[in-house]
Amino acid sequence: MEDRSQRLKRIVPQTRRGRIAAALAIACGVLALWWWGPGSGTAPGPAALVEKSQVVKREPFTSTLNVTGTIGPGNGIDITAPFDGTVKSINFAYGDLVNQGQTLVELDLSELEQSRNEAESAYLKAAQTSGDMASWTSGPEVSRARRAAETAMFQLDDTENKLRETKTLLDRGLVSRSEYDGMVQQQRSQKASLEAAREDLSTTLRRGQGPNRRLVELDLTNAQLRLAKLTAQFDGAVLHAPDDGIVVRPPPGQGNGAGSEALHVGSRVTKGQLIGTIARAGGLGVSFRLDEGDINRIKVGMPVTVTGPGFGEISLAGQIASVAGEASKDSAGGTGKASFTATARLDPLTPEQAARVKIGMTAMVIVIAYSNPSAIVVPPEAVQGAAPAATVTVRDGKTGKPVPRTVRLGLVSPTGAEILSGLKPGEEVLWSVAQPAAPASP
């Protein structure tokens, strides 16, 4: 047998040769993977031009505008406070479905009652003044002035009689001259008193005529109208739902500068303050904003299609109801572009749709800005240049060669370009598109 030292000398060289062989095999495998793998020699070749063609025919063409909006009350009825006061009770929550005639809000009547009492007091005073004016000529003031004038006249007559008697006595030397002069002075004074009394009577009579009388009549009419108005407001202290629908929260800042969040029992409302809006069932709408570049493309009455992530596969139809004529105050922002608010009114919803479409949901609005059911349409890639010098390449019917032709463009969308003139149905339009070539071999 070989001893232990000789066996070890024979095994060690074999182990080293195995390790070297294994390392060479791994290196060859890595080199093969690098050479034959996807990264080896796959530099793309130059792009190739592929010629395409299309026979012109008439087909429907539409141009649409896609915007994002919010579902809102399209056909709503505003609920406003009928007078200044405080909220006594609230019997709804925003977003609730209410029925016609349902009590929504009750207002406190204490302030209104005080205002009505003041109005009634003013009316009674005006009515009394008007009554006095109607019988003015026989009233106490005219009677007093008339009596004063009559008294002054009687006194003057009496003095003039005495003056004549005194003059007779003076001529006979029975009275002194001073006594006669005193009677003359008294006559002059009473004549002045009579003239003043007559002027006072005339002035008093004029106070019951013309503008003065008209002023009293107007005061009475105004007091009567104010009293009737305040009396009628008592019936409006309880606000009822005018129709079936959903109570929508008013925008913040309505009314007396307080948003709808401030409405609670005890809160103060002012006359005309918007408390909420009843969005009628089947009368929903969509509000959205338009860029200033698109505002002139949208007209009232244009059809729209509305979808949204909140109501799944449901697609709603409607039409443009309004387009703002003034840009929104906060539209420019950091974009530097103005935006305009527009609304679309949706067609009445089915019960299934109404159950899934909620006010405030996000809506994707597709506005059909233009529609031509029989248009000549070519792919946008087939048009070279731009209006008014746009051209397309047409195959000549006689020679079969491609020739350029000037056309008049209509609207252009990502799916096609409308040709208004320059092409006829049956002609063949040619164009080329770039198509990447196959990868080059290593």
Protein backbone atom coordinates (compact mmCIF):
# COMPACT_ATOMS: atom_id res chain seq x y z
CA MET A 1 0.00 0.00 0.00
CA GLU A 2 1.01 3.51 -0.64
CA ASP A 3 1.78 5.44 2.36
CA ARG A 4 -0.27 8.47 3.36
CA SER A 5 2.20 11.10 2.07
CA GLN A 6 2.25 9.63 -1.47
CA ARG A 7 -1.59 9.64 -1.75
CA LEU A 8 -1.76 13.28 -0.72
CA LYS A 9 0.80 14.27 -3.37
CA ARG A 10 -1.34 12.62 -6.07
CA ILE A 11 -4.72 14.12 -4.96
CA VAL A 12 -3.65 17.82 -4.64
CA PRO A 13 -2.73 18.33 -8.36
CA GLN A 14 -6.06 16.78 -9.41
CA THR A 15 -8.00 19.14 -7.16
CA ARG A 16 -6.22 22.20 -8.56
CA ARG A 17 -6.86 21.10 -12.15
CA GLY A 18 -10.61 20.69 -11.35
CA ARG A 19 -10.86 24.17 -9.92
CA ILE A 20 -9.19 25.70 -12.97
CA ALA A 21 -11.49 23.79 -15.31
CA ALA A 22 -14.58 24.95 -13.42
CA ALA A 23 -13.46 28.57 -13.51
CA LEU A 24 -12.91 28.37 -17.27
CA ALA A 25 -16.37 26.88 -17.78
CA ILE A 26 -18.07 29.68 -15.82
CA ALA A 27 -16.14 32.34 -17.75
CA CYS A 28 -17.21 30.79 -21.07
CA GLY A 29 -20.86 30.73 -19.95
CA VAL A 30 -20.84 34.40 -18.93
CA LEU A 31 -19.21 35.32 -22.28
CA ALA A 32 -21.85 33.36 -24.19
CA LEU A 33 -24.70 35.04 -22.31
CA TRP A 34 -23.23 38.45 -22.96
CA TRP A 35 -22.72 37.68 -26.66
CA TRP A 36 -26.11 36.11 -27.36
CA GLY A 37 -28.22 38.05 -24.86
CA PRO A 38 -30.58 40.98 -25.62
CA GLY A 39 -27.90 43.56 -25.03
CA SER A 40 -25.45 42.18 -27.54
CA GLY A 41 -25.42 43.92 -30.89
CA THR A 42 -29.12 45.06 -30.84
CA ALA A 43 -28.58 48.62 -31.94
CA PRO A 44 -31.79 49.71 -33.73
CA GLY A 45 -31.56 50.47 -37.36
CA PRO A 46 -32.90 53.65 -38.95
CA ALA A 47 -36.68 54.27 -38.94
CA ALA A 48 -38.49 53.32 -42.14
CA LEU A 49 -41.28 55.28 -43.84
CA VAL A 50 -44.43 53.30 -44.41
CA GLU A 51 -46.90 54.58 -46.97
CA LYS A 52 -50.56 54.51 -46.03
CA SER A 53 -53.68 55.41 -47.94
CA GLN A 54 -57.38 55.95 -47.39
CA VAL A 55 -60.30 56.32 -49.77
CA VAL A 56 -62.23 59.47 -48.95
CA LYS A 57 -65.87 59.04 -47.94
CA ARG A 58 -68.46 60.94 -45.99
CA GLU A 59 -68.80 59.99 -42.34
CA PRO A 60 -69.92 61.56 -39.04
CA PHE A 61 -67.43 63.93 -37.46
CA THR A 62 -67.56 65.45 -33.98
CA SER A 63 -65.29 67.76 -32.04
CA THR A 64 -65.47 67.40 -28.27
CA LEU A 65 -64.13 69.18 -25.23
CA ASN A 66 -63.36 67.20 -22.08
CA VAL A 67 -63.51 68.98 -18.73
CA THR A 68 -63.93 68.05 -15.08
CA GLY A 69 -66.83 69.42 -13.05
CA THR A 70 -69.03 68.85 -10.02
CA ILE A 71 -72.57 67.54 -9.77
CA GLY A 72 -74.88 70.23 -8.39
CA PRO A 73 -78.52 71.34 -8.33
CA GLY A 74 -79.36 72.14 -11.91
CA ASN A 75 -83.01 73.04 -11.37
CA GLY A 76 -83.19 74.26 -7.80
CA ILE A 77 -85.44 76.44 -5.68
CA ASP A 78 -83.75 78.81 -3.25
CA ILE A 79 -84.94 78.95 0.36
CA THR A 80 -84.41 82.44 1.79
CA ALA A 81 -85.16 84.13 5.09
CA PRO A 82 -88.37 86.22 4.78
CA PHE A 83 -87.34 88.75 7.45
CA ASP A 84 -84.62 89.59 9.95
CA GLY A 85 -84.74 87.33 12.95
CA THR A 86 -83.28 84.37 14.79
CA VAL A 87 -83.64 80.68 14.10
CA LYS A 88 -86.05 78.99 16.50
CA SER A 89 -85.80 75.42 15.17
CA ILE A 90 -84.16 73.48 12.30
CA ASN A 91 -85.83 70.30 11.04
CA PHE A 92 -83.45 69.15 8.30
CA ALA A 93 -79.82 68.42 7.55
CA TYR A 94 -78.05 69.40 4.37
CA GLY A 95 -78.13 66.53 1.91
CA ASP A 96 -81.47 65.18 3.19
CA LEU A 97 -84.21 64.25 0.78
CA VAL A 98 -87.31 66.27 1.74
CA ASN A 99 -90.91 66.18 0.59
CA GLN A 100 -93.05 69.06 -0.55
CA GLY A 101 -94.59 70.90 2.41
CA GLN A 102 -92.13 69.52 4.95
CA THR A 103 -91.15 72.02 7.65
CA LEU A 104 -87.53 73.08 7.28
CA VAL A 105 -86.90 76.10 9.53
CA GLU A 106 -88.95 78.06 12.05
CA LEU A 107 -87.99 81.65 12.90
CA ASP A 108 -88.62 83.54 16.13
CA LEU A 109 -91.46 86.12 15.85
CA SER A 110 -90.58 88.45 18.74
CA GLU A 111 -88.68 91.01 16.66
CA LEU A 112 -91.24 90.83 13.88
CA GLU A 113 -94.07 91.40 16.34
CA GLN A 114 -92.34 94.50 17.68
CA SER A 115 -91.86 95.87 14.17
CA ARG A 116 -95.50 95.15 13.36
CA ASN A 117 -96.69 97.03 16.45
CA GLU A 118 -94.63 100.04 15.46
CA ALA A 119 -96.04 99.88 11.95
CA GLU A 120 -99.59 99.66 13.28
CA SER A 121 -98.99 102.70 15.49
CA ALA A 122 -97.68 104.68 12.53
CA TYR A 123 -100.67 103.58 10.47
CA LEU A 124 -103.17 104.71 13.09
CA LYS A 125 -101.51 108.12 13.35
CA ALA A 126 -101.48 108.48 9.58
CA ALA A 127 -105.14 107.40 9.39
CA GLN A 128 -106.11 109.98 12.01
CA THR A 129 -104.23 112.72 10.18
CA SER A 130 -105.87 111.70 6.91
CA GLY A 131 -109.30 111.81 8.53
CA ASP A 132 -108.61 115.26 9.88
CA MET A 133 -107.47 116.37 6.46
CA ALA A 134 -110.61 115.01 4.81
CA SER A 135 -112.79 117.24 7.03
CA TRP A 136 -110.25 120.03 7.19
CA THR A 137 -112.60 122.88 6.26
CA SER A 138 -114.83 122.02 9.20
CA GLY A 139 -112.03 120.92 11.46
CA PRO A 140 -110.97 122.59 14.72
CA GLU A 141 -108.05 124.56 13.29
CA VAL A 142 -110.08 126.10 10.48
CA SER A 143 -112.98 126.78 12.86
CA ARG A 144 -110.65 128.50 15.31
CA ALA A 145 -109.14 130.66 12.56
CA ARG A 146 -112.59 131.50 11.19
CA ARG A 147 -113.85 132.53 14.64
CA ALA A 148 -110.79 134.71 15.17
CA ALA A 149 -111.45 136.48 11.87
CA GLU A 150 -115.13 136.95 12.66
CA THR A 151 -114.30 138.31 16.14
CA ALA A 152 -111.83 140.78 14.68
CA MET A 153 -114.42 141.93 12.15
CA PHE A 154 -117.11 142.42 14.84
CA GLN A 155 -114.71 144.40 17.00
CA LEU A 156 -113.78 146.62 14.08
CA ASP A 157 -117.44 147.26 13.23
CA ASP A 158 -118.14 148.17 16.83
CA THR A 159 -115.16 150.53 16.96
CA GLU A 160 -116.15 152.22 13.69
CA ASN A 161 -119.68 152.84 15.06
CA LYS A 162 -118.22 154.36 18.20
CA LEU A 163 -115.84 156.44 16.10
CA ARG A 164 -118.74 157.95 14.14
CA GLU A 165 -120.58 158.80 17.36
CA THR A 166 -117.45 160.36 18.85
CA LYS A 167 -116.93 162.42 15.69
CA THR A 168 -120.47 163.79 16.03
CA LEU A 169 -119.88 164.68 19.65
CA LEU A 170 -116.52 166.21 18.78
CA ASP A 171 -118.16 168.43 16.17
CA ARG A 172 -120.65 169.61 18.78
CA GLY A 173 -117.81 170.17 21.28
CA LEU A 174 -119.07 167.61 23.74
CA VAL A 175 -115.85 165.43 23.77
CA SER A 176 -112.22 166.28 23.68
CA ARG A 177 -109.98 165.88 20.68
CA SER A 178 -107.78 163.37 22.49
CA GLU A 179 -110.70 161.04 23.02
CA TYR A 180 -111.48 161.10 19.34
CA ASP A 181 -107.83 160.49 18.41
CA GLY A 182 -107.78 157.46 20.75
CA MET A 183 -110.77 155.99 18.94
CA VAL A 184 -109.05 156.50 15.58
CA GLN A 185 -105.95 154.69 16.85
CA GLN A 186 -108.12 151.84 18.14
CA GLN A 187 -109.76 151.53 14.70
CA ARG A 188 -106.39 151.25 12.99
CA SER A 189 -105.27 148.54 15.38
CA GLN A 190 -108.41 146.49 14.89
CA LYS A 191 -108.12 146.78 11.11
CA ALA A 192 -104.63 145.26 11.37
CA SER A 193 -105.95 142.51 13.65
CA LEU A 194 -108.73 141.72 11.16
CA GLU A 195 -106.24 141.53 8.28
CA ALA A 196 -103.98 139.17 10.27
CA ALA A 197 -106.94 136.96 11.23
CA ARG A 198 -108.05 136.71 7.62
CA GLU A 199 -104.51 135.80 6.47
CA ASP A 200 -104.33 133.14 9.19
CA LEU A 201 -107.67 131.72 8.04
CA SER A 202 -106.47 131.62 4.43
CA THR A 203 -103.22 129.90 5.44
CA THR A 204 -105.08 127.35 7.54
CA LEU A 205 -107.43 126.54 4.65
CA ARG A 206 -104.46 126.03 2.27
CA ARG A 207 -102.94 123.47 4.64
CA GLY A 208 -105.79 121.11 3.79
CA GLN A 209 -105.29 121.39 0.04
CA GLY A 210 -102.70 120.61 -2.66
CA PRO A 211 -99.30 119.12 -1.72
CA ASN A 212 -100.09 118.99 1.99
CA ARG A 213 -103.13 116.85 1.44
CA ARG A 214 -101.23 114.63 -1.02
CA LEU A 215 -98.42 114.20 1.51
CA VAL A 216 -100.87 113.00 4.14
CA GLU A 217 -102.38 110.52 1.66
CA LEU A 218 -98.93 109.15 0.79
CA ASP A 219 -98.03 108.75 4.46
CA LEU A 220 -101.23 106.82 5.01
CA THR A 221 -100.63 104.57 1.98
CA ASN A 222 -97.04 103.83 3.01
CA ALA A 223 -98.04 103.05 6.59
CA GLN A 224 -100.80 100.75 5.34
CA LEU A 225 -98.46 98.88 2.98
CA ARG A 226 -95.79 98.45 5.66
CA LEU A 227 -98.35 97.11 8.11
CA ALA A 228 -99.74 94.68 5.54
CA LYS A 229 -96.23 93.53 4.62
CA LEU A 230 -95.22 92.83 8.19
CA THR A 231 -98.53 91.10 8.87
CA ALA A 232 -97.99 88.83 5.87
CA GLN A 233 -94.52 87.92 7.10
CA PHE A 234 -96.03 86.21 10.11
CA ASP A 235 -97.14 83.42 7.79
CA GLY A 236 -93.56 83.04 6.52
CA ALA A 237 -92.04 82.42 9.93
CA VAL A 238 -92.26 78.69 9.20
CA LEU A 239 -90.34 77.75 6.04
CA HIS A 240 -91.64 74.72 4.14
CA ALA A 241 -90.08 72.74 1.30
CA PRO A 242 -91.64 74.07 -1.93
CA ASP A 243 -91.06 70.78 -3.77
CA ASP A 244 -89.58 67.31 -3.41
CA GLY A 245 -85.80 67.24 -3.62
CA ILE A 246 -82.50 67.38 -1.81
CA VAL A 247 -81.54 70.26 0.48
CA VAL A 248 -78.24 71.64 -0.81
CA ARG A 249 -75.91 73.70 1.36
CA PRO A 250 -75.51 77.31 0.11
CA PRO A 251 -72.04 78.52 -0.87
CA PRO A 252 -70.01 80.05 1.98
CA GLY A 253 -70.33 83.79 2.38
CA GLN A 254 -73.99 84.08 1.42
CA GLY A 255 -76.38 86.45 3.12
CA ASN A 256 -75.04 88.48 6.02
CA GLY A 257 -71.47 87.38 5.47
CA ALA A 258 -72.04 84.15 7.38
CA GLY A 259 -71.66 80.83 5.67
CA SER A 260 -74.17 78.07 5.85
CA GLU A 261 -72.10 76.40 8.58
CA ALA A 262 -73.27 79.14 10.99
CA LEU A 263 -76.95 78.17 10.67
CA HIS A 264 -78.07 76.73 13.98
CA VAL A 265 -80.77 77.28 16.55
CA GLY A 266 -80.34 80.83 17.84
CA SER A 267 -78.29 82.05 14.89
CA ARG A 268 -79.35 85.31 13.28
CA VAL A 269 -80.50 85.53 9.68
CA THR A 270 -81.19 88.61 7.60
CA LYS A 271 -83.96 89.15 5.12
CA GLY A 272 -83.10 87.49 1.81
CA GLN A 273 -80.28 85.38 3.25
CA LEU A 274 -79.94 82.09 1.39
CA ILE A 275 -80.61 79.22 3.78
CA GLY A 276 -80.44 76.39 1.24
CA THR A 277 -81.51 75.20 -2.18
CA ILE A 278 -83.97 72.45 -2.99
CA ALA A 279 -82.49 70.43 -5.84
CA ARG A 280 -85.50 68.91 -7.51
CA ALA A 281 -85.46 65.20 -8.22
CA GLY A 282 -84.38 64.68 -11.81
CA GLY A 283 -83.17 68.25 -12.11
CA LEU A 284 -79.46 67.89 -11.39
CA GLY A 285 -76.73 69.76 -13.23
CA VAL A 286 -72.98 70.01 -13.58
CA SER A 287 -70.83 73.09 -13.02
CA PHE A 288 -67.35 73.31 -14.51
CA ARG A 289 -64.76 75.81 -15.62
CA LEU A 290 -63.60 76.60 -19.14
CA ASP A 291 -60.24 77.96 -20.18
CA GLU A 292 -60.30 81.28 -22.03
CA GLY A 293 -59.14 79.42 -25.14
CA ASP A 294 -62.28 77.26 -25.11
CA ILE A 295 -64.93 79.72 -23.91
CA ASN A 296 -65.94 80.81 -27.42
CA ARG A 297 -66.37 77.22 -28.57
CA ILE A 298 -69.14 76.53 -26.07
CA LYS A 299 -72.69 77.73 -26.67
CA VAL A 300 -75.90 77.32 -24.70
CA GLY A 301 -77.81 74.27 -25.89
CA MET A 302 -74.80 72.14 -26.88
CA PRO A 303 -75.24 68.47 -25.86
CA VAL A 304 -73.02 66.96 -23.17
CA THR A 305 -72.28 63.50 -21.88
CA VAL A 306 -71.41 63.10 -18.20
CA THR A 307 -69.69 60.21 -16.47
CA GLY A 308 -67.97 59.95 -13.14
CA PRO A 309 -66.01 57.62 -10.89
CA GLY A 310 -68.74 57.81 -8.26
CA PHE A 311 -71.54 56.42 -10.42
CA GLY A 312 -69.72 53.68 -12.27
CA GLU A 313 -70.80 52.80 -15.77
CA ILE A 314 -73.76 55.21 -15.78
CA SER A 315 -73.60 57.80 -18.57
CA LEU A 316 -75.81 60.86 -18.26
CA ALA A 317 -76.98 63.18 -21.04
CA GLY A 318 -77.73 66.88 -20.88
CA GLN A 319 -77.06 70.23 -22.48
CA ILE A 320 -75.23 73.48 -21.74
CA ALA A 321 -77.50 75.73 -19.68
CA SER A 322 -75.32 78.80 -19.11
CA VAL A 323 -71.88 80.20 -19.85
CA ALA A 324 -70.53 83.04 -17.73
CA GLY A 325 -69.83 86.31 -19.51
CA GLU A 326 -67.21 87.33 -16.97
CA ALA A 327 -64.11 85.51 -15.81
CA SER A 328 -64.05 84.16 -12.27
CA LYS A 329 -62.31 86.43 -9.78
CA ASP A 330 -59.92 83.70 -8.65
CA SER A 331 -59.44 82.20 -12.10
CA ALA A 332 -56.03 83.60 -13.02
CA GLY A 333 -54.22 82.32 -9.94
CA GLY A 334 -50.71 81.21 -10.76
CA THR A 335 -51.54 80.04 -14.29
CA GLY A 336 -51.93 83.49 -15.77
CA LYS A 337 -55.06 82.37 -17.68
CA ALA A 338 -58.62 83.39 -17.03
CA SER A 339 -61.33 80.77 -16.59
CA PHE A 340 -65.10 81.00 -16.94
CA THR A 341 -67.81 79.08 -15.12
CA ALA A 342 -70.34 77.11 -17.18
CA THR A 343 -73.22 74.87 -16.18
CA ALA A 344 -74.95 71.98 -17.89
CA ARG A 345 -78.42 70.73 -17.02
CA LEU A 346 -78.85 66.98 -17.01
CA ASP A 347 -81.84 65.19 -18.44
CA PRO A 348 -84.25 63.72 -15.87
CA LEU A 349 -82.63 60.73 -14.12
CA THR A 350 -84.17 57.33 -13.74
CA PRO A 351 -84.75 56.12 -10.16
CA GLU A 352 -81.66 53.91 -10.44
CA GLN A 353 -79.52 56.81 -11.63
CA ALA A 354 -80.90 59.18 -9.00
CA ALA A 355 -80.00 56.69 -6.28
CA ARG A 356 -76.35 56.59 -7.37
CA VAL A 357 -75.64 60.14 -8.53
CA LYS A 358 -75.07 62.43 -5.54
CA ILE A 359 -74.62 66.18 -5.37
CA GLY A 360 -70.96 67.10 -4.99
CA MET A 361 -69.62 64.10 -6.93
CA THR A 362 -66.85 64.60 -9.47
CA ALA A 363 -68.09 64.53 -13.04
CA MET A 364 -66.25 64.03 -16.32
CA VAL A 365 -68.01 66.23 -18.86
CA ILE A 366 -67.72 65.67 -22.60
CA VAL A 367 -69.09 68.66 -24.50
CA ILE A 368 -69.97 67.99 -28.13
CA ALA A 369 -68.81 71.36 -29.44
CA TYR A 370 -69.32 70.49 -33.12
CA SER A 371 -71.06 67.73 -35.04
CA ASN A 372 -71.32 67.07 -38.77
CA PRO A 373 -73.14 63.86 -39.70
CA SER A 374 -71.81 63.88 -43.28
CA ALA A 375 -68.27 65.23 -43.34
CA ILE A 376 -65.16 64.42 -45.34
CA VAL A 377 -62.57 63.35 -42.77
CA VAL A 378 -58.93 62.36 -43.25
CA PRO A 379 -56.35 61.31 -40.65
CA PRO A 380 -54.50 64.29 -39.13
CA GLU A 381 -51.19 62.78 -40.35
CA ALA A 382 -52.37 63.16 -43.97
CA VAL A 383 -52.48 66.97 -43.71
CA GLN A 384 -49.33 68.96 -44.40
CA GLY A 385 -49.04 72.59 -43.36
CA ALA A 386 -51.76 74.62 -41.76
CA ALA A 387 -54.72 76.72 -42.82
CA PRO A 388 -55.04 78.49 -45.17
CA ALA A 389 -52.22 76.71 -47.00
CA ALA A 390 -52.93 73.13 -45.91
CA THR A 391 -52.36 70.37 -48.47
CA VAL A 392 -52.91 66.64 -48.79
CA THR A 393 -51.38 64.13 -51.19
CA VAL A 394 -53.89 62.53 -53.57
CA ARG A 395 -53.36 59.69 -56.04
CA ASP A 396 -54.04 60.96 -59.54
CA GLY A 397 -56.88 59.03 -61.11
CA LYS A 398 -55.26 58.94 -64.56
CA THR A 399 -51.55 58.49 -63.90
CA GLY A 400 -51.75 56.89 -60.47
CA LYS A 401 -49.01 59.20 -59.23
CA PRO A 402 -49.25 61.11 -55.93
CA VAL A 403 -49.93 64.82 -56.39
CA PRO A 404 -50.34 67.54 -53.72
CA ARG A 405 -53.66 69.35 -53.45
CA THR A 406 -54.64 72.40 -51.46
CA VAL A 407 -57.63 71.87 -49.16
CA ARG A 408 -59.69 74.04 -46.83
CA LEU A 409 -59.57 72.72 -43.29
CA GLY A 410 -62.44 72.69 -40.82
CA LEU A 411 -62.00 71.48 -37.28
CA VAL A 412 -59.18 69.14 -36.35
CA SER A 413 -59.37 66.54 -33.59
CA PRO A 414 -56.95 63.82 -32.50
CA THR A 415 -58.97 61.30 -34.53
CA GLY A 416 -59.40 63.21 -37.76
CA ALA A 417 -59.31 66.45 -39.72
CA GLU A 418 -62.45 67.82 -41.39
CA ILE A 419 -62.00 68.84 -45.03
CA LEU A 420 -64.45 71.54 -46.10
CA SER A 421 -63.35 71.73 -49.73
CA GLY A 422 -60.65 70.35 -52.02
CA LEU A 423 -61.53 66.64 -51.75
CA LYS A 424 -64.37 64.53 -53.07
CA PRO A 425 -65.68 61.16 -51.92
CA GLY A 426 -63.92 58.30 -53.72
CA GLU A 427 -60.51 59.97 -54.01
CA GLU A 428 -57.51 58.27 -52.41
CA VAL A 429 -55.38 60.19 -49.93
CA LEU A 430 -51.76 59.13 -49.34
CA TRP A 431 -49.41 59.81 -46.45
CA SER A 432 -46.35 58.30 -44.83
CA VAL A 433 -45.64 57.43 -41.24
CA ALA A 434 -42.34 56.56 -39.61
CA GLN A 435 -42.02 52.97 -38.41
CA PRO A 436 -38.93 51.79 -36.50
CA ALA A 437 -36.84 49.24 -38.38
CA ALA A 438 -36.02 45.75 -37.02
CA PRO A 439 -33.00 45.47 -34.68
CA ALA A 440 -29.68 44.99 -36.50
CA SER A 441 -27.88 41.62 -36.19
CA PRO A 442 -24.59 41.50 -34.29
